Amino acid sequence: MRNFVEMALCETIVQCANKLEISQPALSESLKRLEHDLGCTLFYRSRSGIQLTPTGKIMLNKAQTALRALSDLDIATDKENIFAGRTIIIGCHATVAQYSIPKALKHLKSVAPDYKIELRHDLSRNIQSEIQKGTIDVGIVINPVRVPDLVITPIATDVVGVWAHKSSKNLDTIICNPDLFQTQSILKKWKDKPRNIISTESLELICRLVNEEIGFGILPERAVHLFSGPLKQLEKLPVYKDEIALVYRPEFGKVPSERLTIEALGKGLMNS
């Protein structure tokens, strides 16, 4: 069952076998036995890789719940064996990770020296979707959508605004990610804005282009603070207030390793 869960998180059997440090034939045989015992097919197999069947997706949620229950039964009480070999998957935007994850992992290391963490980075809406599917355990999500099957705990806030180099004048370009609703909200309210737009998904690149006086940048304040350049926020222009929250499924957080991970992520955000 553990092999099945790991396989569901990989794109190919070879990738999973390398991750588990077992041979590909042994892994394939393990999964065949599981499918035989269950009487159903869990994966579509093709030359391009593997993909969960509809039944496999249902089984994944059940398997993850079962493994957490087993972990709860077997978990040791001493500080040196809290994770007991388990890896917890944390998801968040790459920029959010820069100001939250280092402090979170520093705290987690102090309370659970055997911690095992895997980080995944994507847009917040995709992170929340993967948490709902069960492929990510817990995430730091910007402006999460309230849904009944997730626990959503607001931890911090951020402000998205318009930034420029301190010495810039008469700029005729906006640098932003126009697909973000924060950006769309600001552009809609911004009167007499420049018509020229440079589009990019990289917040770091926006900071660097603004620093080179290429144009205005639409940026979260926390992202700017990661950058050492002399940038200033234009206070008279529109802003958008972001909510930063921890998001996870209701069954997560029932064992010490999960509770300590939630605690560490909260501390990482509050202290950032």
Protein backbone atom coordinates (compact mmCIF):
# COMPACT_ATOMS: atom_id res chain seq x y z
CA MET A 1 0.00 0.00 0.00
CA ARG A 2 2.89 2.36 0.74
CA ASN A 3 4.36 1.53 -2.67
CA PHE A 4 1.00 2.38 -4.26
CA VAL A 5 0.82 5.77 -2.55
CA GLU A 6 4.37 6.64 -3.62
CA MET A 7 3.62 5.47 -7.16
CA ALA A 8 0.58 7.77 -7.33
CA LEU A 9 2.90 10.72 -6.69
CA CYS A 10 5.33 9.81 -9.49
CA GLU A 11 5.11 10.02 -13.27
CA THR A 12 6.81 6.70 -14.09
CA ILE A 13 7.53 3.36 -12.44
CA VAL A 14 11.27 3.97 -12.85
CA GLN A 15 11.01 7.29 -10.99
CA CYS A 16 9.13 5.65 -8.13
CA ALA A 17 11.50 2.68 -7.93
CA ASN A 18 14.47 5.04 -7.65
CA LYS A 19 12.70 7.04 -4.95
CA LEU A 20 11.90 3.90 -2.95
CA GLU A 21 15.35 2.45 -3.65
CA ILE A 22 13.95 -0.87 -4.89
CA SER A 23 14.11 -2.56 -8.29
CA GLN A 24 11.54 -1.77 -10.96
CA PRO A 25 10.42 -5.45 -11.31
CA ALA A 26 9.90 -5.71 -7.53
CA LEU A 27 7.80 -2.54 -7.51
CA SER A 28 5.73 -3.69 -10.51
CA GLU A 29 5.09 -7.05 -8.88
CA SER A 30 4.05 -5.35 -5.64
CA LEU A 31 1.47 -3.25 -7.45
CA LYS A 32 0.18 -6.21 -9.47
CA ARG A 33 -0.42 -8.11 -6.22
CA LEU A 34 -2.31 -5.16 -4.76
CA GLU A 35 -4.49 -4.85 -7.89
CA HIS A 36 -5.14 -8.61 -7.79
CA ASP A 37 -6.12 -8.51 -4.13
CA LEU A 38 -8.45 -5.56 -4.71
CA GLY A 39 -9.87 -6.95 -7.94
CA CYS A 40 -9.44 -3.66 -9.84
CA THR A 41 -6.99 -1.69 -11.97
CA LEU A 42 -5.33 1.20 -10.16
CA PHE A 43 -3.16 2.65 -12.94
CA TYR A 44 -3.33 3.29 -16.64
CA ARG A 45 0.08 2.29 -18.06
CA SER A 46 1.54 3.68 -21.29
CA ARG A 47 4.91 4.45 -22.84
CA SER A 48 4.68 8.02 -21.55
CA GLY A 49 4.16 6.91 -17.94
CA ILE A 50 1.43 5.98 -15.48
CA GLN A 51 -1.81 7.63 -14.43
CA LEU A 52 -4.36 6.76 -11.76
CA THR A 53 -7.65 5.25 -12.92
CA PRO A 54 -10.87 6.64 -11.37
CA THR A 55 -10.82 3.68 -8.98
CA GLY A 56 -7.16 4.38 -8.26
CA LYS A 57 -7.99 7.96 -7.23
CA ILE A 58 -10.58 6.71 -4.74
CA MET A 59 -8.14 4.09 -3.46
CA LEU A 60 -5.41 6.73 -3.00
CA ASN A 61 -7.48 8.69 -0.48
CA LYS A 62 -8.35 5.51 1.41
CA ALA A 63 -4.76 4.27 1.38
CA GLN A 64 -3.41 7.57 2.71
CA THR A 65 -5.97 7.53 5.52
CA ALA A 66 -5.09 3.91 6.36
CA LEU A 67 -1.36 4.61 6.42
CA ARG A 68 -1.88 7.58 8.73
CA ALA A 69 -3.87 5.34 11.05
CA LEU A 70 -1.07 2.76 11.04
CA SER A 71 1.45 5.49 11.71
CA ASP A 72 -0.63 6.61 14.68
CA LEU A 73 -0.57 3.07 16.09
CA ASP A 74 3.15 2.52 15.57
CA ILE A 75 4.46 5.98 16.37
CA ALA A 76 7.18 6.16 18.98
CA THR A 77 6.92 8.63 21.85
CA ASP A 78 10.55 9.68 21.96
CA LYS A 79 11.67 12.90 20.30
CA GLU A 80 14.20 11.12 18.08
CA ASN A 81 11.58 9.04 16.25
CA ILE A 82 8.57 11.32 15.73
CA PHE A 83 8.35 11.01 11.94
CA ALA A 84 9.23 7.29 12.05
CA GLY A 85 10.42 7.35 8.42
CA ARG A 86 7.39 9.12 7.03
CA THR A 87 7.75 12.01 4.55
CA ILE A 88 5.29 14.92 4.75
CA ILE A 89 4.68 16.84 1.52
CA ILE A 90 4.39 20.63 1.82
CA GLY A 91 3.16 22.78 -1.05
CA CYS A 92 3.47 26.53 -1.62
CA HIS A 93 4.45 29.16 -4.18
CA ALA A 94 8.23 29.34 -4.64
CA THR A 95 8.39 32.96 -3.43
CA VAL A 96 6.24 32.19 -0.38
CA ALA A 97 8.64 29.34 0.41
CA GLN A 98 11.60 31.73 0.51
CA TYR A 99 10.20 33.80 3.37
CA SER A 100 8.42 31.04 5.32
CA ILE A 101 10.01 27.62 4.85
CA PRO A 102 13.56 28.28 6.19
CA LYS A 103 12.27 29.42 9.60
CA ALA A 104 9.61 26.69 9.62
CA LEU A 105 12.15 23.92 9.00
CA LYS A 106 14.55 25.38 11.55
CA HIS A 107 11.82 25.10 14.17
CA LEU A 108 10.74 21.64 12.98
CA LYS A 109 14.32 20.37 13.17
CA SER A 110 14.52 21.50 16.81
CA VAL A 111 11.37 19.61 17.87
CA ALA A 112 11.60 16.60 15.53
CA PRO A 113 15.21 15.86 14.51
CA ASP A 114 14.13 12.92 12.33
CA TYR A 115 11.83 15.13 10.20
CA LYS A 116 11.43 14.24 6.51
CA ILE A 117 9.91 16.89 4.23
CA GLU A 118 9.28 17.12 0.50
CA LEU A 119 8.57 20.58 -0.97
CA ARG A 120 6.42 21.25 -4.02
CA HIS A 121 5.98 24.66 -5.64
CA ASP A 122 3.15 25.96 -7.79
CA LEU A 123 0.50 28.67 -7.90
CA SER A 124 -1.66 28.73 -4.77
CA ARG A 125 -4.81 27.62 -6.59
CA ASN A 126 -2.99 24.54 -7.89
CA ILE A 127 -1.54 23.77 -4.45
CA GLN A 128 -5.05 23.86 -2.94
CA SER A 129 -6.31 21.56 -5.69
CA GLU A 130 -3.54 19.02 -5.00
CA ILE A 131 -4.32 19.12 -1.26
CA GLN A 132 -7.94 18.29 -2.06
CA LYS A 133 -6.78 15.38 -4.22
CA GLY A 134 -4.53 14.12 -1.42
CA THR A 135 -1.23 14.41 -3.32
CA ILE A 136 0.00 17.21 -1.02
CA ASP A 137 -0.37 16.92 2.77
CA VAL A 138 -0.37 20.57 3.82
CA GLY A 139 0.13 23.87 2.02
CA ILE A 140 0.68 27.56 2.47
CA VAL A 141 -2.00 29.06 0.23
CA ILE A 142 -2.58 32.66 -0.78
CA ASN A 143 -6.28 33.63 -0.76
CA PRO A 144 -7.62 30.06 -0.43
CA VAL A 145 -11.12 29.24 -1.67
CA ARG A 146 -13.37 28.17 1.20
CA VAL A 147 -14.52 24.58 0.64
CA PRO A 148 -16.09 22.19 3.17
CA ASP A 149 -13.55 19.37 2.76
CA LEU A 150 -10.48 21.41 3.83
CA VAL A 151 -9.24 23.00 7.04
CA ILE A 152 -8.24 26.61 6.26
CA THR A 153 -6.44 28.57 8.98
CA PRO A 154 -5.47 32.21 8.25
CA ILE A 155 -1.99 32.97 9.60
CA ALA A 156 -0.73 36.19 8.01
CA THR A 157 -1.45 38.85 5.41
CA ASP A 158 0.39 40.55 2.57
CA VAL A 159 -0.27 43.60 0.42
CA VAL A 160 0.07 43.58 -3.36
CA GLY A 161 0.79 47.04 -4.75
CA VAL A 162 2.56 49.01 -7.45
CA TRP A 163 6.31 49.43 -6.97
CA ALA A 164 9.01 51.44 -8.75
CA HIS A 165 12.69 52.23 -8.38
CA LYS A 166 13.16 55.13 -5.96
CA SER A 167 14.69 57.31 -8.68
CA SER A 168 12.35 56.33 -11.54
CA LYS A 169 10.34 58.99 -13.38
CA ASN A 170 7.92 58.96 -16.33
CA LEU A 171 7.69 55.17 -16.61
CA ASP A 172 5.51 53.90 -19.47
CA THR A 173 5.44 50.15 -18.74
CA ILE A 174 3.80 47.82 -16.21
CA ILE A 175 5.54 44.52 -15.37
CA CYS A 176 3.23 41.92 -13.87
CA ASN A 177 1.47 38.57 -14.10
CA PRO A 178 -1.86 39.60 -15.68
CA ASP A 179 -3.41 36.19 -14.99
CA LEU A 180 -3.51 36.81 -11.21
CA PHE A 181 -6.75 38.25 -9.86
CA GLN A 182 -4.72 40.54 -7.55
CA THR A 183 -3.14 42.08 -10.65
CA GLN A 184 -6.48 42.26 -12.46
CA SER A 185 -8.07 44.04 -9.50
CA ILE A 186 -5.27 46.64 -9.34
CA LEU A 187 -5.25 47.25 -13.11
CA LYS A 188 -9.03 47.69 -13.11
CA LYS A 189 -8.86 50.40 -10.41
CA TRP A 190 -5.70 52.11 -11.73
CA LYS A 191 -6.69 55.23 -13.64
CA ASP A 192 -4.40 56.58 -16.37
CA LYS A 193 -2.17 53.52 -16.19
CA PRO A 194 0.50 52.83 -18.85
CA ARG A 195 -0.76 50.72 -21.73
CA ASN A 196 2.45 48.79 -22.30
CA ILE A 197 2.60 45.57 -20.23
CA ILE A 198 5.45 43.08 -19.85
CA SER A 199 4.01 39.77 -18.70
CA THR A 200 5.91 37.30 -16.52
CA GLU A 201 5.09 34.78 -13.77
CA SER A 202 8.41 35.37 -11.97
CA LEU A 203 8.14 37.77 -9.01
CA GLU A 204 11.92 37.82 -8.71
CA LEU A 205 12.25 38.91 -12.35
CA ILE A 206 9.66 41.66 -11.82
CA CYS A 207 11.75 42.96 -8.91
CA ARG A 208 14.90 42.95 -11.01
CA LEU A 209 13.25 44.68 -13.97
CA VAL A 210 11.81 47.36 -11.68
CA ASN A 211 15.28 47.80 -10.17
CA GLU A 212 16.61 48.44 -13.68
CA GLU A 213 13.90 51.12 -14.10
CA ILE A 214 12.20 49.22 -16.94
CA GLY A 215 8.76 49.99 -15.52
CA PHE A 216 6.32 49.72 -12.64
CA GLY A 217 6.00 46.32 -10.97
CA ILE A 218 2.85 44.84 -9.41
CA LEU A 219 4.27 42.91 -6.47
CA PRO A 220 3.48 41.55 -3.00
CA GLU A 221 5.27 43.45 -0.24
CA ARG A 222 6.82 40.26 1.17
CA ALA A 223 8.35 39.44 -2.22
CA VAL A 224 9.91 42.91 -2.44
CA HIS A 225 11.43 42.51 1.03
CA LEU A 226 13.31 39.45 -0.25
CA PHE A 227 14.93 41.72 -2.84
CA SER A 228 17.65 44.14 -1.70
CA GLY A 229 17.12 46.80 -4.39
CA PRO A 230 15.95 50.37 -3.66
CA LEU A 231 12.26 49.95 -4.53
CA LYS A 232 9.35 52.04 -3.26
CA GLN A 233 5.61 51.40 -3.20
CA LEU A 234 3.43 54.05 -4.85
CA GLU A 235 0.98 54.70 -2.02
CA LYS A 236 -1.63 56.61 -4.05
CA LEU A 237 -2.21 53.67 -6.42
CA PRO A 238 -4.59 50.71 -5.77
CA VAL A 239 -3.56 47.76 -3.60
CA TYR A 240 -4.88 44.26 -2.95
CA LYS A 241 -4.73 42.63 0.50
CA ASP A 242 -3.75 38.96 0.44
CA GLU A 243 -4.68 36.38 3.05
CA ILE A 244 -2.02 33.74 3.76
CA ALA A 245 -3.37 30.52 5.23
CA LEU A 246 -2.42 26.97 6.14
CA VAL A 247 -4.56 24.46 4.27
CA TYR A 248 -4.91 20.71 4.82
CA ARG A 249 -7.47 17.93 4.81
CA PRO A 250 -9.42 17.23 8.05
CA GLU A 251 -7.69 13.88 8.59
CA PHE A 252 -4.27 15.57 8.60
CA GLY A 253 -2.88 16.72 11.95
CA LYS A 254 -3.90 13.67 13.96
CA VAL A 255 -0.39 12.42 14.78
CA PRO A 256 2.64 14.21 16.32
CA SER A 257 4.62 14.55 13.06
CA GLU A 258 1.67 16.23 11.35
CA ARG A 259 0.82 18.48 14.30
CA LEU A 260 4.44 19.62 14.62
CA THR A 261 4.61 20.36 10.89
CA ILE A 262 1.49 22.55 11.11
CA GLU A 263 2.96 24.30 14.16
CA ALA A 264 6.29 24.89 12.39
CA LEU A 265 4.66 26.33 9.26
CA GLY A 266 2.58 28.67 11.40
CA LYS A 267 5.67 29.90 13.24
CA GLY A 268 7.53 30.32 9.95
CA LEU A 269 4.80 32.59 8.61
CA MET A 270 4.27 34.60 11.77
CA ASN A 271 8.01 35.25 12.15
CA SER A 272 8.65 36.11 8.49
